Amino acid sequence: MPSSLPLPIISLRIACAIAMATALAACQTNAIHSKPLSTTKNTVTQNTLGQSKVGHNKTTKETQPSSALAMDMSGRHEYQLENGLKIVIKEDHRAPVVMTQIWYRVGSTDEPTDKGGISHLLEHMMFKGTTDVSSDDYERLIAKFGGVNNAFTSYDYTGYYELFPANRLPLALELEADRMKNLTFDDKEFAKEHQVVMEERRQRTDDNPLAKAYESFRLLALPDSPKGESVIGPMNELESITLSDLKSWYETWYAPNNATLVIVGDVEPTEVLKQVKRYFGELSPSDLPKRPAVSQKGFRGYQKVDSEQAVQVPVLLMGYNVPSLVTAGATDEKQAYALSLAQDVLDGGLSARLESRLIREQGLLTTVGTSYDLLDRGDGLFLIQATPREGVSLEQAQQAIITEIEKLKTDPIAPDEISRAKTNTVTGLVYAQDSMEGQARMIGSLQSIGLDDRLLAKLPAKLDGVTIADIQAASKQYLVKNNLTVMHIIPPKDQTDKKN
């Protein structure tokens, strides 16, 4: 893993995007991979795993093929009801429990330009009761039968889950089917949750200097993309959301034909399908709006700004506009895999280039980390965050990182670097499948951004097909000054003057 990074930047890798073992929990609003916001329920443990990769044509003792590492797709079953609800069931009989997750394909990227944060606010309201089950009864039922539940909101989806003993699966299905269509919209509850969400923004963004800086950085780096906006939304837009707005948002997007139901655990698929039909089969589909494209034109020219914040030490943010596997498309998918591997060569652990050269050998940085989301719904950023050592300027730190990126384009990539990158990637995916929640997260997150989760079984072979030349070609194309946005986060001038 790379050096520890100050919030809000987190070094992410492939498994984070897929497994997000509730990677978006605890209402994280400003992370390099905008972690989903989530209500503060009984949160299941979440892990942020790394994303790495690499390919080489020649198989040697030092570079075993990634495909040699198994990706378990056994016990997976997929169905679709007539009303459009997709169901993915994954058998896991290691313990008598079941994870039930419902994923709605709507998030902050779908929001009107003046209603930022409405998806997350609706997530909060989803716990305030239905016409049949009050908020208090919902919580009592979860507790009485030993359940755990939570929810999360991201750019691309909103999700809800329950972990129950396996014999209580029907209860989870009944609760989720009920609140898919029968949510109540009470004025008092809305007023309370409206304030809760605004306070959440104050605590996590407005009162967090790095989070504030990162929010403005995304707007600068992604000016034409809905992902330039934060998931939680600007305060003035949050304040403007009404109960009527929220109800309309719910009626527009919360429908069986806009959802994927993921069930992982000690279950029998045909019996599960029977129960799903019982509770969800009569729900009516909706006439869904067309979702906006999540694209961002790159190569707009070098941009660099200073951001004065109440930080103790200067921080460097660098972001290159890059495609994801979704936006690269089938013809250019190798570029996305190559960028993911390039990220790991730079930042794949203590022996990776940025860590070993700029922190330990040259002593220029105290922390450095990168992020690239291969498995993302839209165009994104190849991000780098670094903190220079005392006496080293942000300009020097930036130039040192650029020098290493330029070496990546031309210098040989050693076999051990390739081997480590492949191993990090695939073992991260395997570890992410170790829990029922992790398996469900993989399935739900990929399905919700328009990818088939079964592509994970093909991923090792895809990585093995990426050559060193591919990595260097992708780096030469995208990791260039004309495609770079930089922010220097600096302490207040009076604070700097006192130190001097």
Protein backbone atom coordinates (compact mmCIF):
# COMPACT_ATOMS: atom_id res chain seq x y z
CA MET A 1 0.00 0.00 0.00
CA PRO A 2 1.19 3.58 -0.56
CA SER A 3 2.05 5.94 2.24
CA SER A 4 -0.83 6.91 4.46
CA LEU A 5 -2.72 9.82 2.99
CA PRO A 6 -4.51 12.64 4.76
CA LEU A 7 -8.23 12.82 4.23
CA PRO A 8 -10.02 13.35 1.96
CA ILE A 9 -7.71 11.55 -0.47
CA ILE A 10 -7.57 7.79 -0.31
CA SER A 11 -5.45 5.51 -2.47
CA LEU A 12 -7.90 3.26 -4.27
CA ARG A 13 -7.57 0.31 -6.55
CA ILE A 14 -9.83 -1.89 -8.64
CA ALA A 15 -11.34 -3.75 -5.76
CA CYS A 16 -12.40 -0.53 -4.10
CA ALA A 17 -14.61 0.37 -7.00
CA ILE A 18 -16.10 -3.08 -7.17
CA ALA A 19 -16.10 -4.44 -3.69
CA MET A 20 -16.48 -1.20 -1.88
CA ALA A 21 -17.23 -3.15 1.19
CA THR A 22 -19.46 -0.28 1.87
CA ALA A 23 -16.67 1.80 0.58
CA LEU A 24 -19.04 4.58 0.73
CA ALA A 25 -20.14 4.43 4.17
CA ALA A 26 -20.22 6.79 7.04
CA CYS A 27 -21.27 9.52 4.67
CA GLN A 28 -17.83 10.06 3.15
CA THR A 29 -18.32 12.92 0.76
CA ASN A 30 -14.97 14.03 -0.51
CA ALA A 31 -12.63 11.21 -1.22
CA ILE A 32 -10.57 10.73 -4.31
CA HIS A 33 -13.02 8.09 -5.28
CA SER A 34 -16.05 9.90 -4.07
CA LYS A 35 -17.05 7.39 -1.52
CA PRO A 36 -20.70 6.97 -1.21
CA LEU A 37 -22.46 8.82 1.46
CA SER A 38 -24.28 6.63 3.89
CA THR A 39 -26.62 6.97 6.79
CA THR A 40 -25.21 6.20 10.19
CA LYS A 41 -26.80 2.85 10.81
CA ASN A 42 -25.17 -0.35 12.03
CA THR A 43 -22.38 -0.25 9.51
CA VAL A 44 -20.87 -3.44 8.24
CA THR A 45 -17.08 -3.30 8.22
CA GLN A 46 -15.76 -1.80 5.05
CA ASN A 47 -12.44 -2.24 3.34
CA THR A 48 -10.84 -0.07 0.73
CA LEU A 49 -8.71 -2.38 -1.34
CA GLY A 50 -6.14 -1.43 -3.91
CA GLN A 51 -6.38 -1.24 -7.62
CA SER A 52 -3.35 -2.38 -9.53
CA LYS A 53 -2.48 -4.30 -12.62
CA VAL A 54 -0.02 -5.04 -15.36
CA GLY A 55 0.64 -7.25 -18.31
CA HIS A 56 3.61 -8.75 -20.08
CA ASN A 57 3.69 -10.97 -23.13
CA LYS A 58 6.34 -13.28 -21.75
CA THR A 59 5.56 -15.66 -18.89
CA THR A 60 8.57 -16.12 -16.61
CA LYS A 61 9.15 -17.45 -13.16
CA GLU A 62 9.06 -13.88 -11.89
CA THR A 63 5.86 -12.96 -13.74
CA GLN A 64 3.27 -15.66 -13.38
CA PRO A 65 0.13 -14.95 -15.41
CA SER A 66 -2.67 -13.21 -13.56
CA SER A 67 -5.05 -15.78 -14.98
CA ALA A 68 -3.40 -18.36 -12.72
CA LEU A 69 -5.22 -16.72 -9.82
CA ALA A 70 -8.79 -17.98 -9.68
CA MET A 71 -11.77 -15.64 -9.66
CA ASP A 72 -14.66 -17.57 -8.17
CA MET A 73 -17.84 -17.17 -10.20
CA SER A 74 -19.42 -20.45 -9.11
CA GLY A 75 -22.84 -20.46 -7.51
CA ARG A 76 -23.94 -17.32 -9.37
CA HIS A 77 -27.51 -17.15 -10.76
CA GLU A 78 -29.18 -14.28 -12.63
CA TYR A 79 -32.88 -13.66 -13.27
CA GLN A 80 -35.14 -10.81 -14.32
CA LEU A 81 -38.79 -10.28 -13.42
CA GLU A 82 -41.34 -9.09 -15.95
CA ASN A 83 -41.38 -5.66 -14.27
CA GLY A 84 -37.67 -5.24 -15.04
CA LEU A 85 -36.15 -6.04 -11.64
CA LYS A 86 -32.80 -7.77 -12.10
CA ILE A 87 -31.86 -10.38 -9.49
CA VAL A 88 -28.37 -11.77 -8.97
CA ILE A 89 -28.02 -14.57 -6.43
CA LYS A 90 -24.64 -15.85 -5.23
CA GLU A 91 -24.58 -18.97 -3.10
CA ASP A 92 -22.20 -18.92 -0.14
CA HIS A 93 -22.87 -21.66 2.38
CA ARG A 94 -20.04 -20.94 4.81
CA ALA A 95 -22.38 -19.46 7.42
CA PRO A 96 -26.18 -19.45 7.92
CA VAL A 97 -26.57 -15.77 7.01
CA VAL A 98 -27.65 -13.80 3.96
CA MET A 99 -26.76 -10.35 2.64
CA THR A 100 -29.57 -8.59 0.78
CA GLN A 101 -28.72 -5.46 -1.21
CA ILE A 102 -30.94 -3.36 -3.46
CA TRP A 103 -29.12 -1.02 -5.85
CA TYR A 104 -30.95 1.85 -7.58
CA ARG A 105 -29.30 3.22 -10.69
CA VAL A 106 -29.47 6.84 -9.62
CA GLY A 107 -26.94 9.03 -7.87
CA SER A 108 -25.56 12.52 -7.81
CA THR A 109 -24.62 12.44 -11.52
CA ASP A 110 -28.33 12.28 -12.35
CA GLU A 111 -29.37 15.29 -10.28
CA PRO A 112 -30.62 18.62 -11.67
CA THR A 113 -27.99 21.35 -11.68
CA ASP A 114 -29.81 23.21 -8.90
CA LYS A 115 -30.64 20.21 -6.65
CA GLY A 116 -27.26 18.77 -5.75
CA GLY A 117 -27.48 16.27 -2.90
CA ILE A 118 -31.09 15.23 -3.44
CA SER A 119 -30.17 11.55 -3.89
CA HIS A 120 -28.39 11.44 -0.56
CA LEU A 121 -31.20 13.29 1.19
CA LEU A 122 -33.69 10.76 -0.18
CA GLU A 123 -31.48 7.97 1.16
CA HIS A 124 -31.94 9.45 4.63
CA MET A 125 -35.71 9.68 4.17
CA MET A 126 -35.90 6.02 3.17
CA PHE A 127 -35.50 5.12 6.85
CA LYS A 128 -38.47 7.23 7.97
CA GLY A 129 -41.20 4.68 7.43
CA THR A 130 -43.83 3.57 4.96
CA THR A 131 -47.60 3.39 5.04
CA ASP A 132 -47.30 -0.09 6.58
CA VAL A 133 -44.08 0.00 8.64
CA SER A 134 -43.15 3.00 10.76
CA SER A 135 -39.56 4.11 11.23
CA ASP A 136 -39.55 2.77 14.80
CA ASP A 137 -41.05 -0.57 13.75
CA TYR A 138 -38.46 -0.90 11.00
CA GLU A 139 -35.61 -0.48 13.47
CA ARG A 140 -37.23 -2.83 15.98
CA LEU A 141 -37.65 -5.55 13.36
CA ILE A 142 -34.02 -5.27 12.30
CA ALA A 143 -32.83 -5.51 15.91
CA LYS A 144 -35.26 -8.24 17.00
CA PHE A 145 -34.07 -10.69 14.36
CA GLY A 146 -30.36 -9.94 14.73
CA GLY A 147 -30.00 -7.90 11.57
CA VAL A 148 -27.57 -5.24 10.43
CA ASN A 149 -28.55 -2.56 7.93
CA ASN A 150 -27.24 0.56 6.26
CA ALA A 151 -27.34 2.57 3.04
CA PHE A 152 -25.02 4.51 0.78
CA THR A 153 -25.12 7.10 -1.98
CA SER A 154 -22.52 7.64 -4.69
CA TYR A 155 -22.24 9.42 -8.00
CA ASP A 156 -23.84 6.51 -9.88
CA TYR A 157 -26.14 4.62 -7.51
CA THR A 158 -27.93 4.54 -4.19
CA GLY A 159 -28.03 1.30 -2.25
CA TYR A 160 -29.63 -0.27 0.82
CA TYR A 161 -28.78 -3.52 2.57
CA GLU A 162 -29.67 -5.91 5.37
CA LEU A 163 -27.61 -8.75 6.81
CA PHE A 164 -29.83 -11.34 8.49
CA PRO A 165 -29.81 -14.96 9.58
CA ALA A 166 -30.65 -16.91 6.42
CA ASN A 167 -34.14 -17.84 7.59
CA ARG A 168 -35.04 -14.12 7.78
CA LEU A 169 -34.45 -13.39 4.09
CA PRO A 170 -38.21 -12.97 3.47
CA LEU A 171 -38.25 -10.16 6.04
CA ALA A 172 -35.48 -8.29 4.22
CA LEU A 173 -37.28 -8.69 0.91
CA GLU A 174 -40.59 -7.54 2.36
CA LEU A 175 -39.04 -4.44 3.92
CA GLU A 176 -37.25 -3.41 0.73
CA ALA A 177 -40.21 -4.06 -1.55
CA ASP A 178 -42.39 -2.04 0.81
CA ARG A 179 -40.18 1.04 0.81
CA MET A 180 -39.58 0.84 -2.94
CA LYS A 181 -43.16 2.02 -3.48
CA ASN A 182 -44.81 3.00 -0.18
CA LEU A 183 -42.50 5.55 1.40
CA THR A 184 -44.17 8.23 3.50
CA PHE A 185 -43.12 11.86 3.20
CA ASP A 186 -43.73 13.53 6.53
CA ASP A 187 -43.02 17.25 6.91
CA LYS A 188 -41.50 16.95 10.38
CA GLU A 189 -39.27 14.02 9.46
CA PHE A 190 -38.16 15.82 6.32
CA ALA A 191 -37.29 18.98 8.23
CA LYS A 192 -35.21 16.95 10.67
CA GLU A 193 -33.33 14.95 8.06
CA HIS A 194 -32.81 18.06 5.94
CA GLN A 195 -30.94 19.59 8.87
CA VAL A 196 -29.02 16.36 9.51
CA VAL A 197 -27.70 16.29 5.94
CA MET A 198 -26.74 19.95 5.98
CA GLU A 199 -24.90 19.43 9.26
CA GLU A 200 -23.18 16.43 7.69
CA ARG A 201 -21.94 18.69 4.94
CA ARG A 202 -20.68 21.24 7.47
CA GLN A 203 -18.75 18.63 9.41
CA ARG A 204 -17.32 16.66 6.51
CA THR A 205 -16.67 19.42 3.99
CA ASP A 206 -17.11 22.98 5.19
CA ASP A 207 -15.12 22.37 8.40
CA ASN A 208 -12.51 20.19 6.68
CA PRO A 209 -9.87 22.26 4.83
CA LEU A 210 -8.69 19.40 2.62
CA ALA A 211 -12.23 18.39 1.78
CA LYS A 212 -13.07 21.97 0.78
CA ALA A 213 -9.99 22.14 -1.40
CA TYR A 214 -10.71 18.80 -3.03
CA GLU A 215 -14.28 19.83 -3.78
CA SER A 216 -13.08 22.91 -5.65
CA PHE A 217 -10.36 20.85 -7.34
CA ARG A 218 -12.93 18.47 -8.84
CA LEU A 219 -14.91 21.40 -10.23
CA LEU A 220 -11.76 22.69 -11.87
CA ALA A 221 -10.66 19.32 -13.25
CA LEU A 222 -14.15 18.11 -14.32
CA PRO A 223 -15.96 21.33 -15.35
CA ASP A 224 -18.31 19.67 -17.84
CA SER A 225 -18.99 16.43 -15.96
CA PRO A 226 -21.62 15.89 -13.27
CA LYS A 227 -18.81 14.21 -11.31
CA GLY A 228 -17.20 17.61 -10.88
CA GLU A 229 -19.83 18.27 -8.23
CA SER A 230 -19.61 16.64 -4.81
CA VAL A 231 -21.99 13.80 -3.94
CA ILE A 232 -23.40 15.64 -0.96
CA GLY A 233 -23.99 18.79 -3.00
CA PRO A 234 -23.37 22.51 -2.39
CA MET A 235 -24.99 23.97 0.72
CA ASN A 236 -27.16 26.47 -1.18
CA GLU A 237 -28.59 23.67 -3.36
CA LEU A 238 -29.18 21.43 -0.36
CA GLU A 239 -31.07 24.23 1.35
CA SER A 240 -33.33 24.70 -1.68
CA ILE A 241 -34.61 21.09 -1.79
CA THR A 242 -38.27 20.78 -0.78
CA LEU A 243 -40.35 17.83 0.34
CA SER A 244 -42.13 17.96 -3.01
CA ASP A 245 -38.77 17.77 -4.84
CA LEU A 246 -37.81 14.72 -2.81
CA LYS A 247 -41.09 12.93 -3.44
CA SER A 248 -40.79 13.58 -7.17
CA TRP A 249 -37.23 12.22 -7.19
CA TYR A 250 -38.40 9.07 -5.43
CA GLU A 251 -41.30 8.53 -7.81
CA THR A 252 -39.05 9.07 -10.82
CA TRP A 253 -36.20 6.68 -9.99
CA TYR A 254 -37.29 4.16 -7.36
CA ALA A 255 -38.83 1.41 -9.45
CA PRO A 256 -38.14 -2.26 -10.10
CA ASN A 257 -36.90 -1.60 -13.63
CA ASN A 258 -34.25 0.74 -12.23
CA ALA A 259 -32.95 -1.63 -9.58
CA THR A 260 -30.73 -4.66 -9.12
CA LEU A 261 -31.42 -6.98 -6.20
CA VAL A 262 -28.28 -8.80 -5.03
CA ILE A 263 -28.56 -11.70 -2.59
CA VAL A 264 -25.47 -13.49 -1.29
CA GLY A 265 -25.48 -16.17 1.36
CA ASP A 266 -26.71 -19.52 2.56
CA VAL A 267 -29.65 -19.73 0.18
CA GLU A 268 -31.26 -22.01 -2.40
CA PRO A 269 -31.72 -20.01 -5.65
CA THR A 270 -35.08 -21.36 -6.78
CA GLU A 271 -36.58 -20.74 -3.35
CA VAL A 272 -35.11 -17.24 -3.28
CA LEU A 273 -36.60 -16.46 -6.68
CA LYS A 274 -39.99 -17.62 -5.45
CA GLN A 275 -39.76 -15.25 -2.48
CA VAL A 276 -38.58 -12.35 -4.66
CA LYS A 277 -41.55 -12.81 -6.99
CA ARG A 278 -43.86 -12.86 -3.98
CA TYR A 279 -42.73 -9.47 -2.69
CA PHE A 280 -41.54 -7.61 -5.81
CA GLY A 281 -43.48 -9.27 -8.62
CA GLU A 282 -46.56 -7.04 -8.41
CA LEU A 283 -44.66 -3.75 -8.31
CA SER A 284 -45.12 -1.64 -11.41
CA PRO A 285 -42.21 -0.41 -13.56
CA SER A 286 -41.71 3.28 -14.28
CA ASP A 287 -41.08 5.31 -17.40
CA LEU A 288 -37.47 6.17 -16.60
CA PRO A 289 -35.71 9.32 -17.83
CA LYS A 290 -32.56 8.95 -19.89
CA ARG A 291 -29.52 9.25 -17.66
CA PRO A 292 -27.03 12.00 -18.54
CA ALA A 293 -23.68 11.12 -20.05
CA VAL A 294 -20.73 11.23 -17.69
CA SER A 295 -18.04 12.56 -19.95
CA GLN A 296 -15.33 15.17 -19.70
CA LYS A 297 -13.26 16.59 -22.53
CA GLY A 298 -9.57 16.29 -21.80
CA PHE A 299 -6.51 18.09 -23.15
CA ARG A 300 -7.92 21.49 -22.24
CA GLY A 301 -4.53 22.95 -21.41
CA TYR A 302 -2.47 23.00 -18.23
CA GLN A 303 -4.32 24.48 -15.25
CA LYS A 304 -2.75 25.38 -11.92
CA VAL A 305 -4.33 27.18 -8.96
CA ASP A 306 -3.41 27.94 -5.37
CA SER A 307 -5.94 27.28 -2.63
CA GLU A 308 -5.32 28.89 0.75
CA GLN A 309 -6.80 26.66 3.46
CA ALA A 310 -6.43 26.21 7.21
CA VAL A 311 -3.97 23.34 6.78
CA GLN A 312 -0.81 22.83 8.82
CA VAL A 313 1.37 21.77 5.88
CA PRO A 314 1.15 22.33 2.13
CA VAL A 315 -0.52 19.63 0.00
CA LEU A 316 -0.24 18.95 -3.73
CA LEU A 317 -3.12 17.68 -5.88
CA MET A 318 -2.59 16.63 -9.50
CA GLY A 319 -5.24 15.20 -11.82
CA TYR A 320 -5.09 13.98 -15.42
CA ASN A 321 -8.38 13.54 -17.33
CA VAL A 322 -8.69 9.89 -18.34
CA PRO A 323 -11.31 7.41 -19.58
CA SER A 324 -12.60 4.45 -17.57
CA LEU A 325 -13.24 0.97 -18.92
CA VAL A 326 -16.83 2.04 -19.67
CA THR A 327 -15.95 5.19 -21.61
CA ALA A 328 -12.91 3.72 -23.34
CA GLY A 329 -15.20 1.22 -25.04
CA ALA A 330 -14.37 -2.16 -26.47
CA THR A 331 -11.99 -0.79 -29.10
CA ASP A 332 -9.80 1.10 -26.60
CA GLU A 333 -10.30 -0.97 -23.45
CA LYS A 334 -6.60 -1.85 -23.36
CA GLN A 335 -5.83 1.82 -22.67
CA ALA A 336 -7.91 1.70 -19.50
CA TYR A 337 -6.21 -1.50 -18.32
CA ALA A 338 -2.83 0.04 -19.13
CA LEU A 339 -3.58 3.18 -17.11
CA SER A 340 -4.58 1.02 -14.17
CA LEU A 341 -1.28 -0.83 -14.39
CA ALA A 342 0.62 2.43 -14.77
CA GLN A 343 -0.93 3.60 -11.54
CA ASP A 344 0.29 0.51 -9.75
CA VAL A 345 3.82 0.81 -11.09
CA LEU A 346 3.91 4.32 -9.66
CA ASP A 347 2.08 3.59 -6.42
CA GLY A 348 1.70 -0.12 -5.71
CA GLY A 349 3.33 -0.39 -2.31
CA LEU A 350 6.55 0.40 -0.50
CA SER A 351 8.69 -0.71 -3.44
CA ALA A 352 6.71 1.23 -6.04
CA ARG A 353 8.39 4.17 -7.76
CA LEU A 354 6.86 7.19 -6.04
CA GLU A 355 7.22 5.72 -2.56
CA SER A 356 10.71 4.27 -2.96
CA ARG A 357 12.26 7.09 -4.96
CA LEU A 358 10.61 10.28 -3.74
CA ILE A 359 10.05 9.41 -0.10
CA ARG A 360 12.87 7.05 0.86
CA GLU A 361 15.67 7.68 -1.63
CA GLN A 362 15.39 11.41 -2.37
CA GLY A 363 13.56 12.47 0.78
CA LEU A 364 11.39 14.98 -1.09
CA LEU A 365 7.96 13.85 0.14
CA THR A 366 6.45 12.65 3.39
CA THR A 367 3.35 11.09 1.80
CA VAL A 368 2.24 10.27 -1.72
CA GLY A 369 -0.68 8.33 -3.15
CA THR A 370 -2.55 7.87 -6.40
CA SER A 371 -6.03 6.88 -7.54
CA TYR A 372 -7.53 5.71 -10.81
CA ASP A 373 -10.97 4.10 -11.11
CA LEU A 374 -10.82 1.59 -13.94
CA LEU A 375 -14.37 0.41 -13.21
CA ASP A 376 -16.28 3.66 -13.33
CA ARG A 377 -19.41 4.75 -15.17
CA GLY A 378 -17.83 7.80 -16.77
CA ASP A 379 -14.61 9.63 -17.50
CA GLY A 380 -12.53 10.23 -14.42
CA LEU A 381 -9.20 11.39 -13.08
CA PHE A 382 -5.78 9.86 -12.64
CA LEU A 383 -5.10 11.52 -9.31
CA ILE A 384 -1.97 12.12 -7.29
CA GLN A 385 -1.77 13.66 -3.83
CA ALA A 386 1.49 14.41 -2.08
CA THR A 387 2.85 16.24 0.95
CA PRO A 388 6.41 17.61 0.55
CA ARG A 389 8.96 17.40 3.34
CA GLU A 390 9.76 20.57 5.23
CA GLY A 391 11.98 22.76 3.12
CA VAL A 392 10.71 21.29 -0.15
CA SER A 393 8.34 23.51 -2.12
CA LEU A 394 5.15 22.35 -3.80
CA GLU A 395 6.72 23.28 -7.13
CA GLN A 396 9.68 20.98 -6.40
CA ALA A 397 7.38 18.17 -5.32
CA GLN A 398 5.28 18.57 -8.46
CA GLN A 399 8.33 18.52 -10.72
CA ALA A 400 9.71 15.42 -9.00
CA ILE A 401 6.44 13.55 -9.60
CA ILE A 402 6.31 14.67 -13.23
CA THR A 403 9.89 13.46 -13.68
CA GLU A 404 8.86 9.99 -12.48
CA ILE A 405 5.87 9.99 -14.82
CA GLU A 406 8.16 10.90 -17.72
CA LYS A 407 10.48 8.02 -16.78
CA LEU A 408 7.48 5.69 -16.80
CA LYS A 409 6.96 6.56 -20.47
CA THR A 410 10.50 5.72 -21.56
CA ASP A 411 12.43 3.70 -18.98
CA PRO A 412 12.16 -0.09 -18.81
CA ILE A 413 9.53 -1.51 -16.45
CA ALA A 414 11.15 -4.34 -14.50
CA PRO A 415 9.65 -7.85 -14.34
CA ASP A 416 9.16 -7.57 -10.57
CA GLU A 417 7.13 -4.38 -11.06
CA ILE A 418 4.87 -6.18 -13.52
CA SER A 419 4.56 -9.20 -11.26
CA ARG A 420 3.70 -7.10 -8.22
CA ALA A 421 1.09 -5.11 -10.12
CA LYS A 422 -0.68 -8.22 -11.39
CA THR A 423 -0.58 -9.86 -7.99
CA ASN A 424 -1.88 -6.78 -6.18
CA THR A 425 -4.78 -6.46 -8.57
CA VAL A 426 -6.03 -9.98 -8.63
CA THR A 427 -5.40 -10.86 -4.99
CA GLY A 428 -7.23 -7.68 -4.06
CA LEU A 429 -10.23 -8.93 -6.00
CA VAL A 430 -10.01 -12.36 -4.44
CA TYR A 431 -9.81 -10.91 -0.93
CA ALA A 432 -12.77 -8.67 -1.69
CA GLN A 433 -14.84 -11.79 -2.33
CA ASP A 434 -14.01 -13.24 1.06
CA SER A 435 -17.07 -11.75 2.74
CA MET A 436 -20.68 -11.97 1.63
CA GLU A 437 -20.88 -8.22 1.70
CA GLY A 438 -17.80 -7.92 -0.50
CA GLN A 439 -19.25 -10.30 -3.08
CA ALA A 440 -22.54 -8.40 -3.10
CA ARG A 441 -20.69 -5.09 -3.45
CA MET A 442 -18.78 -6.33 -6.46
CA ILE A 443 -21.93 -7.52 -8.17
CA GLY A 444 -24.10 -4.53 -7.35
CA SER A 445 -21.61 -1.78 -8.11
CA LEU A 446 -20.66 -3.20 -11.50
CA GLN A 447 -24.24 -3.93 -12.50
CA SER A 448 -25.22 -0.39 -11.52
CA ILE A 449 -22.66 1.25 -13.81
CA GLY A 450 -23.59 -0.89 -16.79
CA LEU A 451 -20.95 -3.62 -16.50
CA ASP A 452 -21.51 -7.34 -16.07
CA ASP A 453 -19.85 -8.48 -12.84
CA ARG A 454 -18.78 -11.68 -14.62
CA LEU A 455 -16.10 -9.64 -16.36
CA LEU A 456 -14.07 -10.12 -13.19
CA ALA A 457 -13.42 -13.70 -14.24
CA LYS A 458 -11.88 -12.37 -17.46
CA LEU A 459 -9.92 -9.58 -15.82
CA PRO A 460 -6.72 -11.55 -15.08
CA ALA A 461 -6.44 -12.61 -18.72
CA LYS A 462 -7.16 -9.04 -19.84
CA LEU A 463 -4.30 -7.78 -17.66
CA ASP A 464 -1.95 -10.44 -19.00
CA GLY A 465 -2.69 -9.10 -22.47
CA VAL A 466 -1.38 -5.64 -21.60
CA THR A 467 2.26 -5.13 -22.53
CA ILE A 468 4.88 -2.71 -21.27
CA ALA A 469 4.53 -0.90 -24.58
CA ASP A 470 0.79 -0.52 -23.91
CA ILE A 471 1.45 0.98 -20.48
CA GLN A 472 3.95 3.44 -21.89
CA ALA A 473 1.71 4.35 -24.83
CA ALA A 474 -1.25 5.10 -22.53
CA SER A 475 1.02 7.16 -20.27
CA LYS A 476 2.35 9.12 -23.24
CA GLN A 477 -1.19 9.81 -24.43
CA TYR A 478 -2.89 10.82 -21.17
CA LEU A 479 -0.27 11.72 -18.56
CA VAL A 480 0.81 14.91 -20.27
CA LYS A 481 0.94 18.56 -19.22
CA ASN A 482 -1.80 19.58 -21.67
CA ASN A 483 -4.15 17.20 -19.81
CA LEU A 484 -3.16 18.16 -16.25
CA THR A 485 -4.92 20.12 -13.51
CA VAL A 486 -2.90 21.06 -10.42
CA MET A 487 -3.85 22.57 -7.06
CA HIS A 488 -1.37 23.78 -4.48
CA ILE A 489 -3.09 23.76 -1.08
CA ILE A 490 -1.22 26.21 1.12
CA PRO A 491 -1.54 27.31 4.76
CA PRO A 492 -2.77 30.85 5.48
CA LYS A 493 -0.13 33.48 4.88
CA ASP A 494 -0.18 34.66 8.49
CA GLN A 495 0.51 31.08 9.63
CA THR A 496 3.45 30.84 7.21
CA ASP A 497 4.80 34.19 8.40
CA LYS A 498 4.71 33.03 12.05
CA LYS A 499 6.81 29.96 11.17
CA ASN A 500 9.35 32.17 9.44
